[in-house]
N, C-alpha and C. Protein backbone atom coordinates (compact mmCIF):
# COMPACT_ATOMS: atom_id res chain seq x y z
N ARG A 1 0.83 -1.21 0.00
CA ARG A 1 0.00 0.00 0.00
C ARG A 1 0.86 1.25 0.00
N LEU A 2 1.91 1.29 0.83
CA LEU A 2 2.76 2.47 0.89
C LEU A 2 3.44 2.70 -0.45
N GLN A 3 3.80 1.63 -1.14
CA GLN A 3 4.44 1.78 -2.45
C GLN A 3 3.52 2.48 -3.44
N GLU A 4 2.22 2.20 -3.35
CA GLU A 4 1.26 2.87 -4.21
C GLU A 4 1.23 4.36 -3.93
N GLU A 5 1.29 4.71 -2.64
CA GLU A 5 1.25 6.13 -2.26
C GLU A 5 2.52 6.85 -2.70
N VAL A 6 3.66 6.15 -2.60
CA VAL A 6 4.93 6.73 -3.07
C VAL A 6 4.85 6.98 -4.57
N ASP A 7 4.26 6.03 -5.29
CA ASP A 7 4.12 6.17 -6.74
C ASP A 7 3.23 7.36 -7.10
N ILE A 8 2.16 7.55 -6.34
CA ILE A 8 1.25 8.68 -6.58
C ILE A 8 1.99 10.00 -6.40
N VAL A 9 2.75 10.10 -5.31
CA VAL A 9 3.48 11.34 -5.03
C VAL A 9 4.56 11.58 -6.09
N ASN A 10 5.20 10.52 -6.55
CA ASN A 10 6.21 10.66 -7.60
C ASN A 10 5.58 11.18 -8.90
N GLN A 11 4.36 10.71 -9.19
CA GLN A 11 3.66 11.18 -10.38
C GLN A 11 3.31 12.66 -10.25
N ILE A 12 2.90 13.07 -9.06
CA ILE A 12 2.59 14.49 -8.82
C ILE A 12 3.84 15.33 -8.96
N GLU A 13 4.96 14.81 -8.46
CA GLU A 13 6.22 15.54 -8.56
C GLU A 13 6.63 15.70 -10.02
N ASP A 14 6.41 14.67 -10.82
CA ASP A 14 6.72 14.75 -12.26
C ASP A 14 5.86 15.82 -12.93
N LEU A 15 4.59 15.87 -12.54
CA LEU A 15 3.69 16.89 -13.10
C LEU A 15 4.16 18.30 -12.75
N ARG A 16 4.63 18.46 -11.51
CA ARG A 16 5.12 19.77 -11.08
C ARG A 16 6.34 20.17 -11.90
N LYS A 17 7.24 19.22 -12.16
CA LYS A 17 8.43 19.51 -12.95
C LYS A 17 8.07 19.91 -14.38
N LYS A 18 6.93 19.38 -14.86
CA LYS A 18 6.47 19.70 -16.22
C LYS A 18 5.60 20.96 -16.24
N LYS A 19 5.55 21.67 -15.07
CA LYS A 19 4.80 22.92 -14.95
C LYS A 19 3.28 22.73 -15.08
N PHE A 20 2.82 21.50 -14.81
CA PHE A 20 1.37 21.27 -14.82
C PHE A 20 0.76 21.91 -13.58
N PRO A 21 -0.35 22.63 -13.70
CA PRO A 21 -0.97 23.28 -12.53
C PRO A 21 -1.47 22.26 -11.50
N LEU A 22 -0.83 22.26 -10.34
CA LEU A 22 -1.18 21.26 -9.33
C LEU A 22 -2.56 21.47 -8.73
N ASN A 23 -3.11 22.68 -8.88
CA ASN A 23 -4.46 22.91 -8.36
C ASN A 23 -5.52 22.17 -9.17
N GLU A 24 -5.08 21.54 -10.26
CA GLU A 24 -6.00 20.74 -11.07
C GLU A 24 -5.80 19.24 -10.82
N VAL A 25 -4.93 18.93 -9.85
CA VAL A 25 -4.67 17.53 -9.52
C VAL A 25 -5.44 17.15 -8.26
N ALA A 26 -6.14 16.04 -8.29
CA ALA A 26 -6.89 15.57 -7.12
C ALA A 26 -6.55 14.11 -6.86
N VAL A 27 -6.44 13.76 -5.60
CA VAL A 27 -6.19 12.37 -5.20
C VAL A 27 -7.37 11.92 -4.35
N ILE A 28 -8.01 10.86 -4.78
CA ILE A 28 -9.15 10.31 -4.04
C ILE A 28 -8.68 9.10 -3.26
N TYR A 29 -8.95 9.10 -1.97
CA TYR A 29 -8.52 7.98 -1.12
C TYR A 29 -9.69 7.50 -0.28
N ALA A 30 -9.57 6.24 0.17
CA ALA A 30 -10.69 5.63 0.90
C ALA A 30 -10.54 5.72 2.41
N LYS A 31 -9.30 5.76 2.90
CA LYS A 31 -9.07 5.71 4.34
C LYS A 31 -8.23 6.88 4.80
N HIS A 32 -8.44 7.31 6.05
CA HIS A 32 -7.68 8.43 6.61
C HIS A 32 -6.19 8.09 6.70
N LYS A 33 -5.87 6.81 6.92
CA LYS A 33 -4.47 6.42 7.02
C LYS A 33 -3.74 6.72 5.73
N GLN A 34 -4.43 6.49 4.59
CA GLN A 34 -3.83 6.80 3.30
C GLN A 34 -3.54 8.30 3.20
N ALA A 35 -4.46 9.09 3.70
CA ALA A 35 -4.29 10.55 3.66
C ALA A 35 -3.07 10.97 4.46
N ARG A 36 -2.90 10.38 5.64
CA ARG A 36 -1.75 10.72 6.48
C ARG A 36 -0.44 10.41 5.77
N ASN A 37 -0.40 9.24 5.13
CA ASN A 37 0.81 8.84 4.42
C ASN A 37 1.10 9.77 3.25
N LEU A 38 0.06 10.10 2.50
CA LEU A 38 0.23 10.98 1.34
C LEU A 38 0.70 12.37 1.77
N ILE A 39 0.09 12.89 2.82
CA ILE A 39 0.44 14.22 3.31
C ILE A 39 1.90 14.25 3.75
N GLU A 40 2.32 13.22 4.46
CA GLU A 40 3.70 13.17 4.93
C GLU A 40 4.68 13.12 3.77
N LEU A 41 4.35 12.33 2.74
CA LEU A 41 5.22 12.21 1.57
C LEU A 41 5.26 13.52 0.79
N LEU A 42 4.11 14.18 0.65
CA LEU A 42 4.05 15.45 -0.07
C LEU A 42 4.88 16.52 0.65
N GLU A 43 4.76 16.55 1.96
CA GLU A 43 5.47 17.58 2.73
C GLU A 43 6.97 17.33 2.72
N LYS A 44 7.37 16.07 2.70
CA LYS A 44 8.79 15.75 2.63
C LYS A 44 9.41 16.27 1.34
N LYS A 45 8.61 16.24 0.27
CA LYS A 45 9.10 16.70 -1.03
C LYS A 45 8.82 18.18 -1.27
N GLY A 46 8.18 18.82 -0.29
CA GLY A 46 7.89 20.24 -0.45
C GLY A 46 6.83 20.53 -1.49
N ILE A 47 5.93 19.57 -1.72
CA ILE A 47 4.85 19.75 -2.70
C ILE A 47 3.62 20.32 -2.00
N PRO A 48 3.12 21.46 -2.44
CA PRO A 48 1.94 22.06 -1.80
C PRO A 48 0.69 21.20 -1.99
N TYR A 49 -0.18 21.25 -1.02
CA TYR A 49 -1.41 20.48 -1.11
C TYR A 49 -2.51 21.19 -0.31
N ASN A 50 -3.70 20.76 -0.51
CA ASN A 50 -4.84 21.32 0.22
C ASN A 50 -5.73 20.16 0.65
N THR A 51 -5.98 20.06 1.92
CA THR A 51 -6.83 18.99 2.43
C THR A 51 -7.55 19.46 3.68
N ARG A 52 -8.67 18.86 3.94
CA ARG A 52 -9.40 19.20 5.15
C ARG A 52 -8.75 18.60 6.38
N ARG A 53 -7.95 17.58 6.16
CA ARG A 53 -7.31 16.89 7.27
C ARG A 53 -5.89 17.39 7.44
N LYS A 54 -5.52 17.86 8.64
CA LYS A 54 -4.19 18.38 8.91
C LYS A 54 -3.34 17.37 9.68
N VAL A 55 -2.03 17.50 9.55
CA VAL A 55 -1.11 16.64 10.29
C VAL A 55 -0.96 17.18 11.71
N ASN A 56 -1.11 16.31 12.69
CA ASN A 56 -0.89 16.70 14.09
C ASN A 56 0.57 16.46 14.41
N ILE A 57 1.34 17.54 14.51
CA ILE A 57 2.79 17.38 14.71
C ILE A 57 3.11 16.71 16.04
N LEU A 58 2.16 16.74 16.99
CA LEU A 58 2.41 16.10 18.29
C LEU A 58 2.52 14.58 18.15
N ASP A 59 2.05 14.05 17.02
CA ASP A 59 2.13 12.61 16.78
C ASP A 59 3.44 12.20 16.12
N LEU A 60 4.23 13.17 15.68
CA LEU A 60 5.45 12.86 14.94
C LEU A 60 6.62 12.55 15.89
N PRO A 61 7.47 11.58 15.52
CA PRO A 61 8.58 11.17 16.39
C PRO A 61 9.49 12.33 16.81
N LEU A 62 9.78 13.25 15.91
CA LEU A 62 10.65 14.38 16.24
C LEU A 62 10.12 15.16 17.44
N ILE A 63 8.85 15.47 17.42
CA ILE A 63 8.25 16.26 18.50
C ILE A 63 8.07 15.42 19.76
N GLN A 64 7.73 14.15 19.60
CA GLN A 64 7.60 13.27 20.76
C GLN A 64 8.94 13.14 21.49
N ASN A 65 10.02 13.04 20.71
CA ASN A 65 11.36 12.94 21.33
C ASN A 65 11.74 14.24 22.03
N LEU A 66 11.43 15.36 21.39
CA LEU A 66 11.73 16.66 22.00
C LEU A 66 10.93 16.85 23.28
N ARG A 67 9.69 16.43 23.28
CA ARG A 67 8.86 16.53 24.49
C ARG A 67 9.41 15.64 25.61
N MET A 68 9.91 14.46 25.25
CA MET A 68 10.47 13.57 26.26
C MET A 68 11.70 14.19 26.91
N LEU A 69 12.51 14.86 26.10
CA LEU A 69 13.68 15.55 26.65
C LEU A 69 13.26 16.66 27.60
N LEU A 70 12.24 17.40 27.23
CA LEU A 70 11.73 18.47 28.10
C LEU A 70 11.15 17.89 29.39
N GLU A 71 10.46 16.77 29.25
CA GLU A 71 9.89 16.10 30.43
C GLU A 71 11.01 15.63 31.37
N TYR A 72 12.09 15.14 30.78
CA TYR A 72 13.23 14.69 31.58
C TYR A 72 13.84 15.87 32.35
N LEU A 73 14.02 16.97 31.68
CA LEU A 73 14.59 18.16 32.34
C LEU A 73 13.69 18.62 33.48
N GLN A 74 12.39 18.63 33.24
CA GLN A 74 11.46 19.06 34.29
C GLN A 74 11.52 18.10 35.48
N SER A 75 11.56 16.81 35.22
CA SER A 75 11.61 15.82 36.30
C SER A 75 12.89 15.96 37.12
N GLU A 76 14.02 16.11 36.42
CA GLU A 76 15.31 16.21 37.11
C GLU A 76 15.44 17.51 37.90
N TYR A 77 14.83 18.57 37.40
CA TYR A 77 14.88 19.84 38.12
C TYR A 77 14.00 19.77 39.37
N THR A 78 12.83 19.19 39.21
CA THR A 78 11.89 19.09 40.34
C THR A 78 12.42 18.17 41.43
N LYS A 79 12.93 17.01 41.00
CA LYS A 79 13.47 16.03 41.94
C LYS A 79 14.60 15.27 41.26
N PRO A 80 15.84 15.57 41.64
CA PRO A 80 16.99 14.91 41.00
C PRO A 80 16.86 13.39 40.96
N TYR A 81 17.19 12.83 39.81
CA TYR A 81 17.19 11.39 39.53
C TYR A 81 15.79 10.80 39.40
N SER A 82 14.78 11.65 39.33
CA SER A 82 13.42 11.13 39.15
C SER A 82 13.09 10.88 37.68
N GLY A 83 14.02 11.24 36.79
CA GLY A 83 13.78 11.01 35.36
C GLY A 83 14.50 9.79 34.83
N GLU A 84 14.96 8.92 35.74
CA GLU A 84 15.71 7.74 35.34
C GLU A 84 14.94 6.82 34.39
N HIS A 85 13.61 6.83 34.54
CA HIS A 85 12.79 5.95 33.69
C HIS A 85 12.76 6.42 32.23
N LEU A 86 13.21 7.65 31.98
CA LEU A 86 13.20 8.20 30.63
C LEU A 86 14.56 8.18 29.94
N ILE A 87 15.62 8.23 30.73
CA ILE A 87 16.93 8.53 30.15
C ILE A 87 17.47 7.43 29.23
N PHE A 88 17.19 6.16 29.51
CA PHE A 88 17.72 5.10 28.65
C PHE A 88 17.15 5.21 27.25
N LYS A 89 15.86 5.50 27.15
CA LYS A 89 15.24 5.68 25.83
C LYS A 89 15.78 6.93 25.15
N ILE A 90 15.94 8.00 25.91
CA ILE A 90 16.46 9.26 25.35
C ILE A 90 17.85 9.05 24.76
N LEU A 91 18.68 8.27 25.44
CA LEU A 91 20.05 8.05 24.98
C LEU A 91 20.11 7.35 23.62
N HIS A 92 18.99 6.76 23.20
CA HIS A 92 18.92 6.10 21.90
C HIS A 92 18.45 7.03 20.78
N PHE A 93 18.11 8.27 21.09
CA PHE A 93 17.66 9.20 20.05
C PHE A 93 18.76 9.36 19.01
N ASP A 94 18.39 9.27 17.76
CA ASP A 94 19.40 9.24 16.68
C ASP A 94 20.29 10.48 16.64
N PHE A 95 19.74 11.65 16.98
CA PHE A 95 20.54 12.87 16.85
C PHE A 95 21.64 12.99 17.90
N LEU A 96 21.61 12.12 18.93
CA LEU A 96 22.69 12.13 19.93
C LEU A 96 23.91 11.37 19.44
N LYS A 97 23.73 10.56 18.40
CA LYS A 97 24.84 9.83 17.77
C LYS A 97 25.58 8.92 18.75
N ILE A 98 24.81 8.29 19.65
CA ILE A 98 25.41 7.37 20.63
C ILE A 98 25.22 5.93 20.13
N HIS A 99 26.28 5.16 20.13
CA HIS A 99 26.19 3.77 19.67
C HIS A 99 25.34 2.94 20.63
N SER A 100 24.42 2.18 20.08
CA SER A 100 23.57 1.33 20.92
C SER A 100 24.40 0.27 21.65
N SER A 101 25.49 -0.17 21.02
CA SER A 101 26.35 -1.16 21.68
C SER A 101 27.04 -0.55 22.90
N ASP A 102 27.35 0.74 22.86
CA ASP A 102 27.94 1.42 24.02
C ASP A 102 26.93 1.47 25.17
N LEU A 103 25.68 1.73 24.83
CA LEU A 103 24.64 1.80 25.86
C LEU A 103 24.40 0.42 26.47
N ALA A 104 24.47 -0.61 25.64
CA ALA A 104 24.30 -1.98 26.13
C ALA A 104 25.44 -2.33 27.09
N LYS A 105 26.66 -1.96 26.72
CA LYS A 105 27.82 -2.25 27.56
C LYS A 105 27.73 -1.49 28.89
N LEU A 106 27.27 -0.24 28.82
CA LEU A 106 27.11 0.56 30.04
C LEU A 106 26.01 -0.02 30.92
N ALA A 107 24.93 -0.48 30.32
CA ALA A 107 23.83 -1.07 31.09
C ALA A 107 24.28 -2.33 31.82
N VAL A 108 25.06 -3.17 31.13
CA VAL A 108 25.59 -4.40 31.74
C VAL A 108 26.51 -4.05 32.90
N HIS A 109 27.34 -3.04 32.70
CA HIS A 109 28.28 -2.61 33.74
C HIS A 109 27.52 -2.15 34.99
N LEU A 110 26.48 -1.34 34.80
CA LEU A 110 25.71 -0.83 35.94
C LEU A 110 24.96 -1.95 36.66
N ALA A 111 24.53 -2.94 35.91
CA ALA A 111 23.78 -4.05 36.49
C ALA A 111 24.64 -4.88 37.44
N ARG A 112 25.96 -4.79 37.31
CA ARG A 112 26.85 -5.58 38.16
C ARG A 112 26.98 -4.99 39.56
N TYR A 113 26.59 -3.75 39.71
CA TYR A 113 26.66 -3.10 41.02
C TYR A 113 25.59 -3.65 41.96
N ASP A 114 25.89 -3.67 43.24
CA ASP A 114 24.85 -3.90 44.23
C ASP A 114 23.84 -2.77 44.11
N TYR A 115 22.57 -3.11 44.22
CA TYR A 115 21.51 -2.11 43.97
C TYR A 115 21.69 -0.86 44.82
N THR A 116 22.12 -1.04 46.06
CA THR A 116 22.24 0.11 46.97
C THR A 116 23.42 1.02 46.62
N LYS A 117 24.37 0.49 45.84
CA LYS A 117 25.56 1.27 45.49
C LYS A 117 25.62 1.62 44.00
N ARG A 118 24.61 1.21 43.26
CA ARG A 118 24.61 1.41 41.81
C ARG A 118 24.45 2.88 41.44
N PRO A 119 25.32 3.42 40.59
CA PRO A 119 25.17 4.82 40.15
C PRO A 119 23.91 4.97 39.32
N THR A 120 23.32 6.14 39.35
CA THR A 120 22.18 6.41 38.49
C THR A 120 22.70 6.59 37.06
N TRP A 121 21.81 6.53 36.09
CA TRP A 121 22.23 6.75 34.71
C TRP A 121 22.76 8.17 34.53
N ARG A 122 22.14 9.12 35.21
CA ARG A 122 22.62 10.50 35.09
C ARG A 122 24.05 10.62 35.61
N GLU A 123 24.34 9.93 36.70
CA GLU A 123 25.71 9.95 37.24
C GLU A 123 26.67 9.21 36.31
N ALA A 124 26.21 8.08 35.78
CA ALA A 124 27.07 7.23 34.96
C ALA A 124 27.51 7.92 33.67
N ILE A 125 26.58 8.59 33.00
CA ILE A 125 26.94 9.20 31.71
C ILE A 125 27.85 10.41 31.89
N GLY A 126 27.93 10.90 33.12
CA GLY A 126 28.82 12.02 33.40
C GLY A 126 30.15 11.61 34.01
N ASP A 127 30.31 10.31 34.24
CA ASP A 127 31.54 9.80 34.84
C ASP A 127 32.54 9.45 33.73
N VAL A 128 33.34 10.42 33.35
CA VAL A 128 34.26 10.26 32.22
C VAL A 128 35.27 9.14 32.48
N VAL A 129 35.76 9.01 33.70
CA VAL A 129 36.73 7.98 34.03
C VAL A 129 36.13 6.59 33.81
N MET A 130 34.92 6.39 34.28
CA MET A 130 34.27 5.09 34.12
C MET A 130 34.01 4.79 32.64
N LEU A 131 33.57 5.79 31.90
CA LEU A 131 33.28 5.60 30.48
C LEU A 131 34.54 5.19 29.72
N LYS A 132 35.66 5.79 30.06
CA LYS A 132 36.92 5.45 29.40
C LYS A 132 37.34 4.02 29.71
N LYS A 133 37.12 3.60 30.96
CA LYS A 133 37.50 2.25 31.37
C LYS A 133 36.70 1.18 30.62
N LEU A 134 35.51 1.53 30.19
CA LEU A 134 34.65 0.57 29.51
C LEU A 134 35.05 0.37 28.04
N LYS A 135 35.98 1.21 27.56
CA LYS A 135 36.47 1.11 26.18
C LYS A 135 35.32 1.11 25.17
N LEU A 136 34.52 2.11 25.27
CA LEU A 136 33.37 2.26 24.38
C LEU A 136 33.81 2.75 23.00
N LYS A 137 32.93 2.60 22.03
CA LYS A 137 33.23 3.07 20.67
C LYS A 137 33.32 4.60 20.64
N ASP A 138 32.44 5.24 21.38
CA ASP A 138 32.43 6.71 21.38
C ASP A 138 31.93 7.22 22.73
N ALA A 139 32.82 7.17 23.71
CA ALA A 139 32.46 7.63 25.06
C ALA A 139 32.17 9.13 25.06
N LYS A 140 32.80 9.86 24.15
CA LYS A 140 32.61 11.32 24.10
C LYS A 140 31.16 11.69 23.79
N ALA A 141 30.50 10.92 22.93
CA ALA A 141 29.11 11.22 22.58
C ALA A 141 28.22 11.15 23.82
N ILE A 142 28.49 10.17 24.67
CA ILE A 142 27.71 10.04 25.91
C ILE A 142 28.04 11.17 26.87
N ALA A 143 29.32 11.46 27.02
CA ALA A 143 29.75 12.52 27.93
C ALA A 143 29.24 13.89 27.47
N ASP A 144 29.23 14.11 26.16
CA ASP A 144 28.74 15.38 25.63
C ASP A 144 27.27 15.59 25.96
N PHE A 145 26.49 14.51 25.88
CA PHE A 145 25.07 14.64 26.22
C PHE A 145 24.92 14.97 27.70
N SER A 146 25.74 14.36 28.54
CA SER A 146 25.70 14.65 29.97
C SER A 146 26.00 16.13 30.22
N ILE A 147 27.00 16.66 29.52
CA ILE A 147 27.36 18.07 29.66
C ILE A 147 26.19 18.96 29.27
N THR A 148 25.50 18.60 28.21
CA THR A 148 24.34 19.38 27.74
C THR A 148 23.23 19.38 28.79
N ILE A 149 22.93 18.21 29.33
CA ILE A 149 21.87 18.10 30.34
C ILE A 149 22.22 18.91 31.59
N GLU A 150 23.45 18.77 32.06
CA GLU A 150 23.86 19.49 33.27
C GLU A 150 23.85 21.01 33.04
N TYR A 151 24.23 21.41 31.85
CA TYR A 151 24.21 22.84 31.50
C TYR A 151 22.77 23.36 31.55
N LEU A 152 21.86 22.63 30.92
CA LEU A 152 20.47 23.07 30.87
C LEU A 152 19.84 23.10 32.25
N LEU A 153 20.16 22.12 33.07
CA LEU A 153 19.61 22.08 34.43
C LEU A 153 20.17 23.19 35.30
N SER A 154 21.44 23.52 35.11
CA SER A 154 22.05 24.58 35.91
C SER A 154 21.48 25.96 35.57
N ASN A 155 20.93 26.08 34.35
CA ASN A 155 20.34 27.36 33.92
C ASN A 155 18.81 27.34 33.94
N PHE A 156 18.24 26.21 34.36
CA PHE A 156 16.80 25.98 34.26
C PHE A 156 15.98 27.11 34.89
N ALA A 157 16.36 27.52 36.08
CA ALA A 157 15.55 28.49 36.83
C ALA A 157 15.77 29.93 36.39
N SER A 158 16.82 30.16 35.61
CA SER A 158 17.16 31.55 35.28
C SER A 158 16.84 31.95 33.85
N ILE A 159 16.36 31.02 33.04
CA ILE A 159 16.01 31.36 31.66
C ILE A 159 14.57 30.93 31.37
N SER A 160 14.01 31.51 30.31
CA SER A 160 12.61 31.24 29.96
C SER A 160 12.45 29.86 29.33
N VAL A 161 11.20 29.45 29.20
CA VAL A 161 10.90 28.16 28.58
C VAL A 161 11.42 28.12 27.14
N ILE A 162 11.18 29.19 26.40
CA ILE A 162 11.59 29.19 25.00
C ILE A 162 13.11 29.18 24.89
N SER A 163 13.82 29.83 25.82
CA SER A 163 15.28 29.80 25.80
C SER A 163 15.80 28.40 26.11
N THR A 164 15.15 27.73 27.06
CA THR A 164 15.51 26.35 27.37
C THR A 164 15.35 25.47 26.15
N LEU A 165 14.22 25.63 25.46
CA LEU A 165 13.94 24.83 24.26
C LEU A 165 14.97 25.10 23.17
N GLU A 166 15.27 26.36 22.92
CA GLU A 166 16.21 26.72 21.86
C GLU A 166 17.61 26.19 22.16
N ARG A 167 18.02 26.28 23.42
CA ARG A 167 19.36 25.78 23.78
C ARG A 167 19.40 24.26 23.68
N LEU A 168 18.31 23.61 24.03
CA LEU A 168 18.23 22.16 23.91
C LEU A 168 18.36 21.74 22.45
N ILE A 169 17.64 22.42 21.57
CA ILE A 169 17.67 22.10 20.15
C ILE A 169 19.08 22.29 19.58
N ASN A 170 19.74 23.36 19.97
CA ASN A 170 21.06 23.67 19.43
C ASN A 170 22.18 22.82 20.03
N ARG A 171 22.14 22.62 21.33
CA ARG A 171 23.25 21.95 22.01
C ARG A 171 23.17 20.43 21.97
N SER A 172 21.98 19.88 21.78
CA SER A 172 21.82 18.43 21.78
C SER A 172 22.26 17.78 20.47
N GLY A 173 22.42 18.60 19.43
CA GLY A 173 22.75 18.04 18.12
C GLY A 173 21.52 17.81 17.27
N LEU A 174 20.34 18.10 17.82
CA LEU A 174 19.09 17.87 17.09
C LEU A 174 19.04 18.69 15.81
N LEU A 175 19.33 19.99 15.91
CA LEU A 175 19.26 20.86 14.73
C LEU A 175 20.28 20.45 13.68
N ARG A 176 21.49 20.14 14.11
CA ARG A 176 22.53 19.71 13.18
C ARG A 176 22.09 18.44 12.44
N ASN A 177 21.47 17.54 13.17
CA ASN A 177 21.00 16.29 12.57
C ASN A 177 19.91 16.55 11.54
N LEU A 178 19.00 17.49 11.84
CA LEU A 178 17.93 17.82 10.90
C LEU A 178 18.50 18.39 9.60
N LEU A 179 19.49 19.25 9.73
CA LEU A 179 20.07 19.91 8.56
C LEU A 179 20.80 18.92 7.66
N GLN A 180 21.20 17.78 8.22
CA GLN A 180 21.90 16.76 7.44
C GLN A 180 20.95 15.69 6.90
N SER A 181 19.67 15.78 7.27
CA SER A 181 18.69 14.78 6.88
C SER A 181 18.19 15.00 5.45
N GLU A 182 17.85 13.92 4.78
CA GLU A 182 17.25 14.03 3.45
C GLU A 182 15.89 14.69 3.52
N ASP A 183 15.24 14.62 4.68
CA ASP A 183 13.91 15.20 4.88
C ASP A 183 13.99 16.53 5.62
N LYS A 184 15.11 17.24 5.47
CA LYS A 184 15.33 18.43 6.29
C LYS A 184 14.26 19.51 6.11
N ILE A 185 13.75 19.68 4.88
CA ILE A 185 12.74 20.72 4.66
C ILE A 185 11.49 20.43 5.50
N TRP A 186 11.05 19.19 5.43
CA TRP A 186 9.86 18.77 6.17
C TRP A 186 10.10 18.84 7.67
N LEU A 187 11.23 18.32 8.14
CA LEU A 187 11.51 18.27 9.57
C LEU A 187 11.68 19.66 10.18
N ILE A 188 12.31 20.56 9.44
CA ILE A 188 12.49 21.92 9.93
C ILE A 188 11.14 22.64 10.00
N GLN A 189 10.26 22.35 9.05
CA GLN A 189 8.90 22.91 9.10
C GLN A 189 8.18 22.44 10.36
N VAL A 190 8.32 21.16 10.65
CA VAL A 190 7.69 20.59 11.85
C VAL A 190 8.25 21.26 13.10
N LEU A 191 9.57 21.37 13.17
CA LEU A 191 10.22 21.97 14.34
C LEU A 191 9.81 23.43 14.50
N ASN A 192 9.79 24.17 13.40
CA ASN A 192 9.39 25.59 13.47
C ASN A 192 7.96 25.75 13.94
N THR A 193 7.09 24.85 13.50
CA THR A 193 5.69 24.91 13.93
C THR A 193 5.58 24.72 15.44
N PHE A 194 6.35 23.77 15.96
CA PHE A 194 6.34 23.50 17.40
C PHE A 194 6.90 24.68 18.18
N VAL A 195 8.04 25.22 17.73
CA VAL A 195 8.66 26.36 18.41
C VAL A 195 7.74 27.58 18.36
N ASP A 196 7.11 27.81 17.21
CA ASP A 196 6.21 28.97 17.07
C ASP A 196 5.03 28.85 18.03
N PHE A 197 4.52 27.63 18.21
CA PHE A 197 3.41 27.43 19.15
C PHE A 197 3.84 27.80 20.56
N ILE A 198 5.03 27.37 20.96
CA ILE A 198 5.51 27.67 22.31
C ILE A 198 5.77 29.16 22.48
N LYS A 199 6.25 29.81 21.43
CA LYS A 199 6.45 31.26 21.50
C LYS A 199 5.13 31.99 21.71
N LYS A 200 4.09 31.52 21.02
CA LYS A 200 2.76 32.13 21.19
C LYS A 200 2.24 31.93 22.61
N GLU A 201 2.46 30.73 23.14
CA GLU A 201 2.03 30.46 24.51
C GLU A 201 2.80 31.33 25.50
N THR A 202 4.08 31.53 25.23
CA THR A 202 4.91 32.36 26.10
C THR A 202 4.49 33.83 26.03
N ASN A 203 4.15 34.30 24.83
CA ASN A 203 3.68 35.67 24.68
C ASN A 203 2.34 35.88 25.38
N ARG A 204 1.53 34.82 25.34
CA ARG A 204 0.22 34.89 25.99
C ARG A 204 0.37 34.88 27.50
N ASN A 205 1.37 34.13 27.97
CA ASN A 205 1.62 34.03 29.41
C ASN A 205 3.12 34.08 29.66
N PRO A 206 3.67 35.28 29.87
CA PRO A 206 5.12 35.45 30.08
C PRO A 206 5.66 34.64 31.27
N ARG A 207 4.79 34.25 32.19
CA ARG A 207 5.21 33.47 33.35
C ARG A 207 5.09 31.96 33.11
N LEU A 208 4.87 31.59 31.89
CA LEU A 208 4.70 30.17 31.56
C LEU A 208 5.90 29.35 32.01
N THR A 209 5.64 28.27 32.73
CA THR A 209 6.69 27.37 33.18
C THR A 209 6.73 26.14 32.28
N LEU A 210 7.82 25.42 32.33
CA LEU A 210 7.93 24.20 31.54
C LEU A 210 6.90 23.18 32.01
N ALA A 211 6.68 23.10 33.31
CA ALA A 211 5.69 22.16 33.85
C ALA A 211 4.31 22.46 33.28
N ARG A 212 3.96 23.73 33.20
CA ARG A 212 2.66 24.12 32.66
C ARG A 212 2.58 23.84 31.16
N LEU A 213 3.68 24.10 30.44
CA LEU A 213 3.70 23.82 29.01
C LEU A 213 3.49 22.34 28.74
N LEU A 214 4.17 21.50 29.50
CA LEU A 214 4.02 20.05 29.31
C LEU A 214 2.59 19.61 29.60
N GLU A 215 1.97 20.27 30.55
CA GLU A 215 0.56 19.96 30.86
C GLU A 215 -0.34 20.36 29.70
N ILE A 216 -0.07 21.52 29.11
CA ILE A 216 -0.86 21.99 27.96
C ILE A 216 -0.73 21.01 26.80
N LEU A 217 0.49 20.58 26.52
CA LEU A 217 0.74 19.64 25.44
C LEU A 217 0.06 18.29 25.69
N LYS A 218 0.09 17.86 26.92
CA LYS A 218 -0.57 16.58 27.28
C LYS A 218 -2.06 16.67 27.05
N ASN A 219 -2.65 17.80 27.38
CA ASN A 219 -4.09 17.99 27.18
C ASN A 219 -4.46 18.06 25.70
N MET A 220 -3.48 18.36 24.86
CA MET A 220 -3.73 18.45 23.41
C MET A 220 -3.61 17.10 22.73
N ASP A 221 -3.02 16.11 23.42
CA ASP A 221 -2.84 14.79 22.81
C ASP A 221 -4.19 14.12 22.52
C-alpha cells in the first residue's frame, strides 16, 4: 500500500516539474491512514497540497522525542534522579549519535553493582573515568550529552521556557542532525511549527513554566 502512495506522489512531482498546474490535480482515497501517508510524503518533497485533514505534529517522532527531553529536564529539576525511567530511551535518540552497543555495555556494567551502590544513569553518563575504562566506541558522545543536560539544568531556573527549548535544540545536536537529513525541509517545518506554538504560549503568558507547558501539550494529545 505504501508503495502505491509513493508512486502517486512521484507522479505528482513529475507533473510539477512539467509545470502542470497542481491545483488541477486531485487524489481520491478511501481511508484516513492513506491521507496521512500521502500528506507526509508530499510535505517531505515540499509539494503544496490542500486537504481538510491536517497533520498533528504532536504525533510525529521528532516532537515526541523533544517533548520527552523536556519532560526529563522538568523531572530532574523538580526532583533529581526522578527522570531515570526516561533517560535510557532518550540516549537512543538518533541525533545524539550514541552507539547502541555502548549503551548496552554501560547497562551491563551498571547491572553488576549492588543495587544500593549502583550509580544512576545521570551519574554514569557524566563519569568520564568510568566511560573510558569501559572502552566504548564513542564515550565522548555520551559525555557530551551529559554536559548538555547538566548545563540546561544549571540554567533551568534563570532562563525562559523558549530559551531552554532553543538551547536544547542547538546543544543536543538535534538541529545539526535535521540539517543533514534528506527530509530536512519537512523536519524543519515541523520543528518551526512546534517552536512557534511555544512562542505564542509564552507571549500569551510570560510566566509560563515548563511544567505548565508540558501539561498543555498533554491535554492536546
